[in-house]
Amino acid sequence: MSADASAVYYRPEDYLGVRKRLLIDFVDAGVAAGASWMITVVVVVISPSYNTVLMSMIVWTAVWLAYFLVLKGSRFRTLGYVLAGARIVNFSGERPSRLALLGRLAFLVFGPTNFVIDLLWVSSDPCGQALRDKFAHTFVVRKDAVPAGTGRIGYPTYMVFGWTLMLAEVRPAP
């Protein structure tokens, strides 16, 4: 994105807080893990001659990618988003790309403490963004939220556990 780029922003009450984001995360992780486990059991019973560990890894990866990339990015949303009355949008107010959703997922999967840091971050961020949202240029908002306006995209510097990060952030017009 260029330095002069603009993006939408929402009213403060449209961004989801920590409690609803916890609900989303726990429900979605539970659904994805449960589905992965059930499909793994079926696959192992049907084809016991295959490498069980490899088959399990393939099933879990496929289910989690389908759930967190395909379903989350669709108009149907995941069960956690439905229960919380939420949706995920990009800086244009539209459904995010699969690449953005993959970045959000990777941010959580490859950093075991990122989940805790994310939740702490949401509670103090004016746009209710977790670090994974800032990284992927996304917002988690109420399902019926409409943009309140547009603002410039800025790149403030953040220091997080020894890392220096410049992450895109929407700055509402004065």
N, C-alpha and C. Protein backbone atom coordinates (compact mmCIF):
# COMPACT_ATOMS: atom_id res chain seq x y z
N MET A 1 0.85 -1.19 0.00
CA MET A 1 0.00 0.00 0.00
C MET A 1 0.88 1.24 0.00
N SER A 2 0.47 2.21 -0.72
CA SER A 2 1.25 3.44 -0.78
C SER A 2 1.02 4.26 0.47
N ALA A 3 1.91 5.22 0.68
CA ALA A 3 1.82 6.08 1.86
C ALA A 3 0.57 6.95 1.85
N ASP A 4 0.02 7.22 0.65
CA ASP A 4 -1.17 8.06 0.54
C ASP A 4 -2.46 7.25 0.51
N ALA A 5 -2.36 5.94 0.71
CA ALA A 5 -3.54 5.08 0.62
C ALA A 5 -4.53 5.41 1.74
N SER A 6 -5.79 5.13 1.46
CA SER A 6 -6.81 5.33 2.48
C SER A 6 -7.54 4.01 2.70
N ALA A 7 -8.22 3.94 3.82
CA ALA A 7 -8.96 2.74 4.20
C ALA A 7 -10.16 3.14 5.02
N VAL A 8 -11.08 2.22 5.17
CA VAL A 8 -12.27 2.50 5.98
C VAL A 8 -11.96 2.28 7.45
N TYR A 9 -12.73 2.93 8.29
CA TYR A 9 -12.69 2.66 9.71
C TYR A 9 -14.12 2.59 10.20
N TYR A 10 -14.31 2.08 11.41
CA TYR A 10 -15.64 1.86 11.97
C TYR A 10 -15.78 2.62 13.28
N ARG A 11 -17.00 2.72 13.76
CA ARG A 11 -17.23 3.34 15.07
C ARG A 11 -16.60 2.45 16.14
N PRO A 12 -16.13 3.02 17.23
CA PRO A 12 -15.48 2.21 18.28
C PRO A 12 -16.34 1.05 18.77
N GLU A 13 -17.64 1.24 18.86
CA GLU A 13 -18.51 0.17 19.36
C GLU A 13 -18.72 -0.95 18.34
N ASP A 14 -18.30 -0.74 17.08
CA ASP A 14 -18.42 -1.78 16.06
C ASP A 14 -17.30 -2.81 16.12
N TYR A 15 -16.16 -2.46 16.72
CA TYR A 15 -15.04 -3.40 16.83
C TYR A 15 -15.33 -4.37 17.97
N LEU A 16 -14.99 -5.64 17.77
CA LEU A 16 -15.23 -6.64 18.81
C LEU A 16 -14.19 -6.55 19.92
N GLY A 17 -14.65 -6.71 21.14
CA GLY A 17 -13.77 -6.68 22.30
C GLY A 17 -13.19 -8.05 22.61
N VAL A 18 -12.49 -8.10 23.71
CA VAL A 18 -11.76 -9.31 24.10
C VAL A 18 -12.70 -10.49 24.34
N ARG A 19 -13.80 -10.28 25.03
CA ARG A 19 -14.70 -11.40 25.36
C ARG A 19 -15.26 -12.08 24.11
N LYS A 20 -15.75 -11.29 23.19
CA LYS A 20 -16.31 -11.89 21.97
C LYS A 20 -15.22 -12.52 21.11
N ARG A 21 -14.03 -11.93 21.13
CA ARG A 21 -12.93 -12.53 20.36
C ARG A 21 -12.49 -13.84 21.00
N LEU A 22 -12.52 -13.92 22.33
CA LEU A 22 -12.24 -15.19 23.02
C LEU A 22 -13.27 -16.24 22.63
N LEU A 23 -14.54 -15.85 22.61
CA LEU A 23 -15.60 -16.76 22.20
C LEU A 23 -15.32 -17.29 20.80
N ILE A 24 -15.02 -16.40 19.88
CA ILE A 24 -14.73 -16.81 18.50
C ILE A 24 -13.55 -17.79 18.47
N ASP A 25 -12.46 -17.43 19.12
CA ASP A 25 -11.26 -18.26 19.08
C ASP A 25 -11.49 -19.64 19.67
N PHE A 26 -12.15 -19.71 20.83
CA PHE A 26 -12.37 -21.01 21.46
C PHE A 26 -13.36 -21.87 20.69
N VAL A 27 -14.44 -21.28 20.21
CA VAL A 27 -15.42 -22.05 19.43
C VAL A 27 -14.78 -22.55 18.14
N ASP A 28 -14.10 -21.66 17.42
CA ASP A 28 -13.51 -22.07 16.14
C ASP A 28 -12.40 -23.10 16.31
N ALA A 29 -11.56 -22.94 17.32
CA ALA A 29 -10.51 -23.93 17.56
C ALA A 29 -11.13 -25.27 17.94
N GLY A 30 -12.18 -25.24 18.74
CA GLY A 30 -12.86 -26.48 19.14
C GLY A 30 -13.51 -27.18 17.97
N VAL A 31 -14.19 -26.42 17.12
CA VAL A 31 -14.84 -27.00 15.94
C VAL A 31 -13.80 -27.59 14.99
N ALA A 32 -12.75 -26.84 14.71
CA ALA A 32 -11.71 -27.32 13.80
C ALA A 32 -11.00 -28.55 14.35
N ALA A 33 -10.69 -28.53 15.65
CA ALA A 33 -10.01 -29.68 16.26
C ALA A 33 -10.94 -30.90 16.29
N GLY A 34 -12.19 -30.69 16.65
CA GLY A 34 -13.14 -31.81 16.68
C GLY A 34 -13.35 -32.43 15.31
N ALA A 35 -13.53 -31.58 14.30
CA ALA A 35 -13.69 -32.09 12.93
C ALA A 35 -12.43 -32.81 12.47
N SER A 36 -11.28 -32.26 12.78
CA SER A 36 -10.00 -32.88 12.40
C SER A 36 -9.86 -34.25 13.05
N TRP A 37 -10.17 -34.32 14.33
CA TRP A 37 -10.06 -35.57 15.05
C TRP A 37 -10.99 -36.64 14.47
N MET A 38 -12.26 -36.26 14.23
CA MET A 38 -13.23 -37.22 13.70
C MET A 38 -12.83 -37.72 12.31
N ILE A 39 -12.40 -36.82 11.45
CA ILE A 39 -12.00 -37.23 10.10
C ILE A 39 -10.74 -38.08 10.15
N THR A 40 -9.81 -37.75 11.05
CA THR A 40 -8.60 -38.55 11.20
C THR A 40 -8.95 -39.97 11.61
N VAL A 41 -9.86 -40.14 12.57
CA VAL A 41 -10.27 -41.48 13.01
C VAL A 41 -10.86 -42.26 11.84
N VAL A 42 -11.72 -41.62 11.07
CA VAL A 42 -12.34 -42.30 9.93
C VAL A 42 -11.28 -42.69 8.90
N VAL A 43 -10.36 -41.80 8.58
CA VAL A 43 -9.32 -42.09 7.58
C VAL A 43 -8.42 -43.22 8.06
N VAL A 44 -8.05 -43.21 9.31
CA VAL A 44 -7.16 -44.26 9.85
C VAL A 44 -7.88 -45.62 9.86
N VAL A 45 -9.18 -45.64 10.17
CA VAL A 45 -9.94 -46.89 10.18
C VAL A 45 -10.10 -47.42 8.75
N ILE A 46 -10.38 -46.54 7.81
CA ILE A 46 -10.58 -46.94 6.42
C ILE A 46 -9.29 -47.44 5.78
N SER A 47 -8.19 -46.76 6.06
CA SER A 47 -6.92 -47.13 5.42
C SER A 47 -5.81 -47.29 6.46
N PRO A 48 -5.86 -48.35 7.26
CA PRO A 48 -4.87 -48.52 8.32
C PRO A 48 -3.46 -48.82 7.80
N SER A 49 -3.32 -49.17 6.54
CA SER A 49 -2.00 -49.51 6.02
C SER A 49 -1.14 -48.28 5.75
N TYR A 50 -1.75 -47.10 5.67
CA TYR A 50 -0.99 -45.88 5.43
C TYR A 50 -0.33 -45.40 6.72
N ASN A 51 0.66 -44.55 6.57
CA ASN A 51 1.35 -43.96 7.72
C ASN A 51 0.36 -43.09 8.49
N THR A 52 0.03 -43.49 9.69
CA THR A 52 -0.99 -42.82 10.50
C THR A 52 -0.61 -41.38 10.83
N VAL A 53 0.65 -41.16 11.16
CA VAL A 53 1.09 -39.80 11.52
C VAL A 53 0.98 -38.88 10.31
N LEU A 54 1.44 -39.35 9.16
CA LEU A 54 1.37 -38.54 7.94
C LEU A 54 -0.08 -38.24 7.56
N MET A 55 -0.93 -39.27 7.62
CA MET A 55 -2.34 -39.08 7.28
C MET A 55 -3.00 -38.09 8.25
N SER A 56 -2.64 -38.17 9.52
CA SER A 56 -3.20 -37.25 10.52
C SER A 56 -2.78 -35.82 10.22
N MET A 57 -1.51 -35.64 9.89
CA MET A 57 -1.02 -34.29 9.57
C MET A 57 -1.72 -33.72 8.34
N ILE A 58 -1.92 -34.54 7.33
CA ILE A 58 -2.60 -34.09 6.11
C ILE A 58 -4.04 -33.71 6.42
N VAL A 59 -4.74 -34.56 7.17
CA VAL A 59 -6.14 -34.28 7.51
C VAL A 59 -6.25 -33.00 8.33
N TRP A 60 -5.44 -32.86 9.38
CA TRP A 60 -5.51 -31.68 10.23
C TRP A 60 -5.19 -30.41 9.45
N THR A 61 -4.18 -30.46 8.61
CA THR A 61 -3.83 -29.28 7.80
C THR A 61 -4.96 -28.93 6.86
N ALA A 62 -5.53 -29.92 6.18
CA ALA A 62 -6.61 -29.67 5.23
C ALA A 62 -7.85 -29.10 5.92
N VAL A 63 -8.22 -29.68 7.05
CA VAL A 63 -9.41 -29.20 7.76
C VAL A 63 -9.20 -27.78 8.27
N TRP A 64 -8.06 -27.50 8.89
CA TRP A 64 -7.82 -26.16 9.43
C TRP A 64 -7.74 -25.12 8.32
N LEU A 65 -7.13 -25.45 7.20
CA LEU A 65 -7.08 -24.49 6.09
C LEU A 65 -8.47 -24.27 5.52
N ALA A 66 -9.24 -25.34 5.37
CA ALA A 66 -10.61 -25.19 4.85
C ALA A 66 -11.46 -24.35 5.79
N TYR A 67 -11.34 -24.59 7.09
CA TYR A 67 -12.16 -23.88 8.06
C TYR A 67 -11.73 -22.42 8.20
N PHE A 68 -10.42 -22.18 8.39
CA PHE A 68 -9.95 -20.83 8.70
C PHE A 68 -9.65 -19.98 7.47
N LEU A 69 -9.55 -20.58 6.29
CA LEU A 69 -9.33 -19.78 5.09
C LEU A 69 -10.57 -19.73 4.21
N VAL A 70 -11.10 -20.89 3.89
CA VAL A 70 -12.23 -20.93 2.97
C VAL A 70 -13.53 -20.49 3.67
N LEU A 71 -13.87 -21.13 4.77
CA LEU A 71 -15.13 -20.81 5.45
C LEU A 71 -15.10 -19.42 6.08
N LYS A 72 -14.02 -19.08 6.77
CA LYS A 72 -13.94 -17.75 7.42
C LYS A 72 -14.03 -16.63 6.39
N GLY A 73 -13.46 -16.84 5.21
CA GLY A 73 -13.47 -15.82 4.18
C GLY A 73 -14.75 -15.78 3.36
N SER A 74 -15.64 -16.72 3.60
CA SER A 74 -16.88 -16.77 2.83
C SER A 74 -17.97 -15.93 3.49
N ARG A 75 -19.08 -15.81 2.82
CA ARG A 75 -20.20 -15.06 3.40
C ARG A 75 -20.86 -15.83 4.53
N PHE A 76 -20.59 -17.14 4.64
CA PHE A 76 -21.19 -17.96 5.68
C PHE A 76 -20.51 -17.77 7.04
N ARG A 77 -19.20 -17.54 7.05
CA ARG A 77 -18.40 -17.33 8.25
C ARG A 77 -18.27 -18.63 9.07
N THR A 78 -17.38 -18.61 10.03
CA THR A 78 -17.21 -19.78 10.90
C THR A 78 -18.26 -19.75 12.00
N LEU A 79 -18.40 -20.86 12.70
CA LEU A 79 -19.38 -20.94 13.78
C LEU A 79 -19.10 -19.89 14.86
N GLY A 80 -17.84 -19.68 15.20
CA GLY A 80 -17.48 -18.68 16.20
C GLY A 80 -17.93 -17.28 15.79
N TYR A 81 -17.73 -16.93 14.54
CA TYR A 81 -18.15 -15.61 14.06
C TYR A 81 -19.67 -15.49 14.04
N VAL A 82 -20.37 -16.57 13.69
CA VAL A 82 -21.83 -16.54 13.69
C VAL A 82 -22.35 -16.34 15.11
N LEU A 83 -21.82 -17.12 16.07
CA LEU A 83 -22.28 -17.00 17.46
C LEU A 83 -21.98 -15.63 18.06
N ALA A 84 -20.87 -15.04 17.68
CA ALA A 84 -20.49 -13.72 18.21
C ALA A 84 -21.12 -12.58 17.43
N GLY A 85 -21.83 -12.88 16.35
CA GLY A 85 -22.43 -11.82 15.53
C GLY A 85 -21.37 -10.94 14.91
N ALA A 86 -20.31 -11.56 14.38
CA ALA A 86 -19.16 -10.82 13.87
C ALA A 86 -18.83 -11.22 12.45
N ARG A 87 -18.00 -10.41 11.84
CA ARG A 87 -17.43 -10.72 10.53
C ARG A 87 -16.04 -10.11 10.46
N ILE A 88 -15.25 -10.61 9.54
CA ILE A 88 -13.90 -10.08 9.36
C ILE A 88 -13.88 -9.33 8.04
N VAL A 89 -13.27 -8.14 8.05
CA VAL A 89 -13.19 -7.31 6.85
C VAL A 89 -11.77 -6.81 6.66
N ASN A 90 -11.47 -6.42 5.43
CA ASN A 90 -10.15 -5.83 5.15
C ASN A 90 -10.25 -4.31 5.22
N PHE A 91 -9.19 -3.63 4.86
CA PHE A 91 -9.17 -2.17 4.95
C PHE A 91 -10.14 -1.49 3.98
N SER A 92 -10.71 -2.25 3.04
CA SER A 92 -11.71 -1.70 2.13
C SER A 92 -13.13 -1.99 2.62
N GLY A 93 -13.25 -2.71 3.74
CA GLY A 93 -14.56 -3.06 4.26
C GLY A 93 -15.14 -4.30 3.61
N GLU A 94 -14.34 -5.03 2.86
CA GLU A 94 -14.78 -6.23 2.15
C GLU A 94 -14.18 -7.47 2.81
N ARG A 95 -14.62 -8.64 2.34
CA ARG A 95 -14.03 -9.88 2.85
C ARG A 95 -12.54 -9.89 2.50
N PRO A 96 -11.71 -10.31 3.44
CA PRO A 96 -10.26 -10.34 3.18
C PRO A 96 -9.88 -11.45 2.21
N SER A 97 -8.72 -11.31 1.62
CA SER A 97 -8.22 -12.34 0.70
C SER A 97 -7.80 -13.58 1.48
N ARG A 98 -7.68 -14.67 0.78
CA ARG A 98 -7.20 -15.92 1.39
C ARG A 98 -5.78 -15.74 1.93
N LEU A 99 -4.97 -14.94 1.23
CA LEU A 99 -3.60 -14.69 1.67
C LEU A 99 -3.59 -13.94 3.01
N ALA A 100 -4.47 -12.96 3.16
CA ALA A 100 -4.56 -12.23 4.43
C ALA A 100 -5.00 -13.17 5.56
N LEU A 101 -5.97 -14.04 5.26
CA LEU A 101 -6.43 -14.99 6.27
C LEU A 101 -5.33 -16.00 6.62
N LEU A 102 -4.55 -16.39 5.63
CA LEU A 102 -3.43 -17.30 5.88
C LEU A 102 -2.39 -16.62 6.78
N GLY A 103 -2.14 -15.34 6.56
CA GLY A 103 -1.21 -14.59 7.41
C GLY A 103 -1.69 -14.51 8.84
N ARG A 104 -3.00 -14.28 9.03
CA ARG A 104 -3.56 -14.24 10.38
C ARG A 104 -3.40 -15.60 11.07
N LEU A 105 -3.70 -16.67 10.33
CA LEU A 105 -3.60 -18.01 10.90
C LEU A 105 -2.15 -18.35 11.23
N ALA A 106 -1.25 -18.02 10.33
CA ALA A 106 0.17 -18.32 10.55
C ALA A 106 0.70 -17.56 11.77
N PHE A 107 0.24 -16.34 11.95
CA PHE A 107 0.67 -15.54 13.09
C PHE A 107 0.36 -16.26 14.41
N LEU A 108 -0.78 -16.92 14.47
CA LEU A 108 -1.15 -17.65 15.69
C LEU A 108 -0.46 -19.00 15.79
N VAL A 109 -0.41 -19.73 14.68
CA VAL A 109 0.13 -21.09 14.70
C VAL A 109 1.63 -21.11 14.98
N PHE A 110 2.38 -20.19 14.40
CA PHE A 110 3.83 -20.22 14.53
C PHE A 110 4.37 -19.49 15.75
N GLY A 111 3.51 -18.95 16.55
CA GLY A 111 3.95 -18.30 17.78
C GLY A 111 3.03 -18.70 18.91
N PRO A 112 3.42 -19.67 19.70
CA PRO A 112 2.50 -20.17 20.72
C PRO A 112 2.05 -19.13 21.73
N THR A 113 2.82 -18.08 21.96
CA THR A 113 2.39 -17.04 22.90
C THR A 113 1.65 -15.91 22.19
N ASN A 114 1.58 -15.96 20.87
CA ASN A 114 0.91 -14.89 20.13
C ASN A 114 -0.55 -14.75 20.50
N PHE A 115 -1.20 -15.85 20.88
CA PHE A 115 -2.61 -15.80 21.25
C PHE A 115 -2.81 -14.88 22.46
N VAL A 116 -1.98 -15.03 23.46
CA VAL A 116 -2.08 -14.21 24.68
C VAL A 116 -1.76 -12.75 24.35
N ILE A 117 -0.69 -12.53 23.60
CA ILE A 117 -0.29 -11.18 23.21
C ILE A 117 -1.42 -10.51 22.41
N ASP A 118 -2.02 -11.28 21.51
CA ASP A 118 -3.13 -10.76 20.70
C ASP A 118 -4.28 -10.27 21.57
N LEU A 119 -4.67 -11.06 22.54
CA LEU A 119 -5.79 -10.68 23.40
C LEU A 119 -5.47 -9.45 24.24
N LEU A 120 -4.26 -9.38 24.73
CA LEU A 120 -3.86 -8.18 25.48
C LEU A 120 -3.85 -6.96 24.58
N TRP A 121 -3.43 -7.13 23.35
CA TRP A 121 -3.34 -6.02 22.41
C TRP A 121 -4.72 -5.48 22.06
N VAL A 122 -5.69 -6.37 21.85
CA VAL A 122 -7.04 -5.96 21.46
C VAL A 122 -7.63 -5.00 22.48
N SER A 123 -7.39 -5.26 23.76
CA SER A 123 -8.01 -4.44 24.80
C SER A 123 -7.49 -3.01 24.83
N SER A 124 -6.32 -2.75 24.24
CA SER A 124 -5.77 -1.40 24.27
C SER A 124 -5.71 -0.73 22.90
N ASP A 125 -6.07 -1.43 21.86
CA ASP A 125 -5.99 -0.85 20.52
C ASP A 125 -7.27 -0.06 20.20
N PRO A 126 -7.14 1.17 19.70
CA PRO A 126 -8.33 1.98 19.42
C PRO A 126 -9.24 1.37 18.35
N CYS A 127 -8.69 0.57 17.47
CA CYS A 127 -9.50 -0.06 16.42
C CYS A 127 -9.82 -1.52 16.76
N GLY A 128 -9.54 -1.94 17.97
CA GLY A 128 -9.84 -3.30 18.38
C GLY A 128 -9.10 -4.34 17.57
N GLN A 129 -7.97 -3.97 17.00
CA GLN A 129 -7.20 -4.92 16.20
C GLN A 129 -6.21 -5.67 17.07
N ALA A 130 -6.11 -6.95 16.81
CA ALA A 130 -5.04 -7.75 17.40
C ALA A 130 -3.82 -7.58 16.50
N LEU A 131 -2.66 -8.01 16.97
CA LEU A 131 -1.47 -7.92 16.13
C LEU A 131 -1.66 -8.68 14.82
N ARG A 132 -2.34 -9.82 14.88
CA ARG A 132 -2.57 -10.59 13.65
C ARG A 132 -3.44 -9.80 12.67
N ASP A 133 -4.37 -8.98 13.20
CA ASP A 133 -5.19 -8.14 12.33
C ASP A 133 -4.35 -7.03 11.69
N LYS A 134 -3.50 -6.41 12.48
CA LYS A 134 -2.63 -5.35 11.93
C LYS A 134 -1.73 -5.94 10.86
N PHE A 135 -1.19 -7.13 11.11
CA PHE A 135 -0.32 -7.82 10.17
C PHE A 135 -1.05 -8.11 8.85
N ALA A 136 -2.32 -8.53 8.94
CA ALA A 136 -3.09 -8.94 7.76
C ALA A 136 -3.98 -7.84 7.18
N HIS A 137 -3.95 -6.64 7.79
CA HIS A 137 -4.79 -5.51 7.36
C HIS A 137 -6.28 -5.86 7.43
N THR A 138 -6.70 -6.37 8.60
CA THR A 138 -8.09 -6.76 8.80
C THR A 138 -8.64 -6.15 10.09
N PHE A 139 -9.96 -6.14 10.15
CA PHE A 139 -10.70 -5.75 11.36
C PHE A 139 -11.70 -6.86 11.66
N VAL A 140 -12.02 -7.07 12.91
CA VAL A 140 -13.13 -7.94 13.30
C VAL A 140 -14.19 -7.01 13.86
N VAL A 141 -15.33 -6.98 13.16
CA VAL A 141 -16.39 -6.03 13.50
C VAL A 141 -17.72 -6.77 13.66
N ARG A 142 -18.70 -6.04 14.21
CA ARG A 142 -20.06 -6.61 14.30
C ARG A 142 -20.55 -6.95 12.90
N LYS A 143 -21.40 -7.94 12.83
CA LYS A 143 -21.90 -8.40 11.53
C LYS A 143 -22.57 -7.28 10.73
N ASP A 144 -23.31 -6.42 11.41
CA ASP A 144 -24.07 -5.37 10.73
C ASP A 144 -23.34 -4.02 10.68
N ALA A 145 -22.06 -4.00 11.05
CA ALA A 145 -21.31 -2.73 11.07
C ALA A 145 -21.12 -2.18 9.66
N VAL A 146 -21.22 -0.86 9.56
CA VAL A 146 -20.94 -0.17 8.31
C VAL A 146 -19.81 0.82 8.56
N PRO A 147 -18.98 1.04 7.57
CA PRO A 147 -17.87 1.97 7.78
C PRO A 147 -18.36 3.35 8.21
N ALA A 148 -17.64 3.96 9.15
CA ALA A 148 -17.97 5.30 9.63
C ALA A 148 -17.30 6.36 8.77
N GLY A 149 -16.32 5.98 7.99
CA GLY A 149 -15.60 6.92 7.14
C GLY A 149 -14.32 6.30 6.62
N THR A 150 -13.50 7.15 6.01
CA THR A 150 -12.21 6.70 5.53
C THR A 150 -11.11 7.53 6.17
N GLY A 151 -9.96 6.95 6.24
CA GLY A 151 -8.81 7.63 6.82
C GLY A 151 -7.54 7.19 6.12
N ARG A 152 -6.47 7.87 6.43
CA ARG A 152 -5.17 7.53 5.86
C ARG A 152 -4.59 6.30 6.54
N ILE A 153 -3.79 5.57 5.80
CA ILE A 153 -3.09 4.42 6.38
C ILE A 153 -1.73 4.91 6.82
N GLY A 154 -1.45 4.72 8.10
CA GLY A 154 -0.15 5.08 8.65
C GLY A 154 0.61 3.83 9.05
N TYR A 155 1.88 3.99 9.32
CA TYR A 155 2.73 2.87 9.70
C TYR A 155 3.51 3.20 10.97
N PRO A 156 2.83 3.18 12.11
CA PRO A 156 3.54 3.44 13.37
C PRO A 156 4.48 2.28 13.70
N THR A 157 5.46 2.57 14.51
CA THR A 157 6.43 1.56 14.94
C THR A 157 6.02 1.01 16.29
N TYR A 158 6.01 -0.30 16.42
CA TYR A 158 5.69 -0.97 17.67
C TYR A 158 6.88 -1.81 18.11
N MET A 159 7.12 -1.81 19.41
CA MET A 159 8.15 -2.68 20.00
C MET A 159 7.41 -3.77 20.76
N VAL A 160 7.57 -5.01 20.32
CA VAL A 160 6.87 -6.13 20.94
C VAL A 160 7.88 -7.23 21.23
N PHE A 161 8.19 -7.43 22.51
CA PHE A 161 9.11 -8.48 22.95
C PHE A 161 10.40 -8.52 22.13
N GLY A 162 11.01 -7.37 21.97
CA GLY A 162 12.28 -7.30 21.26
C GLY A 162 12.17 -7.15 19.76
N TRP A 163 10.99 -7.26 19.23
CA TRP A 163 10.78 -7.09 17.79
C TRP A 163 10.35 -5.65 17.52
N THR A 164 10.87 -5.07 16.48
CA THR A 164 10.43 -3.76 16.03
C THR A 164 9.54 -3.98 14.81
N LEU A 165 8.29 -3.59 14.92
CA LEU A 165 7.31 -3.84 13.86
C LEU A 165 6.73 -2.53 13.35
N MET A 166 6.60 -2.42 12.04
CA MET A 166 5.87 -1.31 11.43
C MET A 166 4.63 -1.92 10.79
N LEU A 167 3.48 -1.70 11.41
CA LEU A 167 2.25 -2.33 10.96
C LEU A 167 1.25 -1.27 10.51
N ALA A 168 0.55 -1.57 9.43
CA ALA A 168 -0.43 -0.64 8.89
C ALA A 168 -1.57 -0.41 9.87
N GLU A 169 -1.98 0.84 9.94
CA GLU A 169 -3.05 1.24 10.85
C GLU A 169 -3.84 2.36 10.20
N VAL A 170 -5.16 2.31 10.31
CA VAL A 170 -6.02 3.34 9.73
C VAL A 170 -6.14 4.48 10.73
N ARG A 171 -5.88 5.68 10.25
CA ARG A 171 -6.00 6.88 11.09
C ARG A 171 -7.20 7.68 10.57
N PRO A 172 -8.27 7.71 11.35
CA PRO A 172 -9.47 8.44 10.92
C PRO A 172 -9.17 9.90 10.62
N ALA A 173 -9.86 10.41 9.61
CA ALA A 173 -9.69 11.82 9.26
C ALA A 173 -10.21 12.69 10.39
N PRO A 174 -9.53 13.81 10.67
CA PRO A 174 -9.99 14.68 11.78
C PRO A 174 -11.33 15.35 11.45
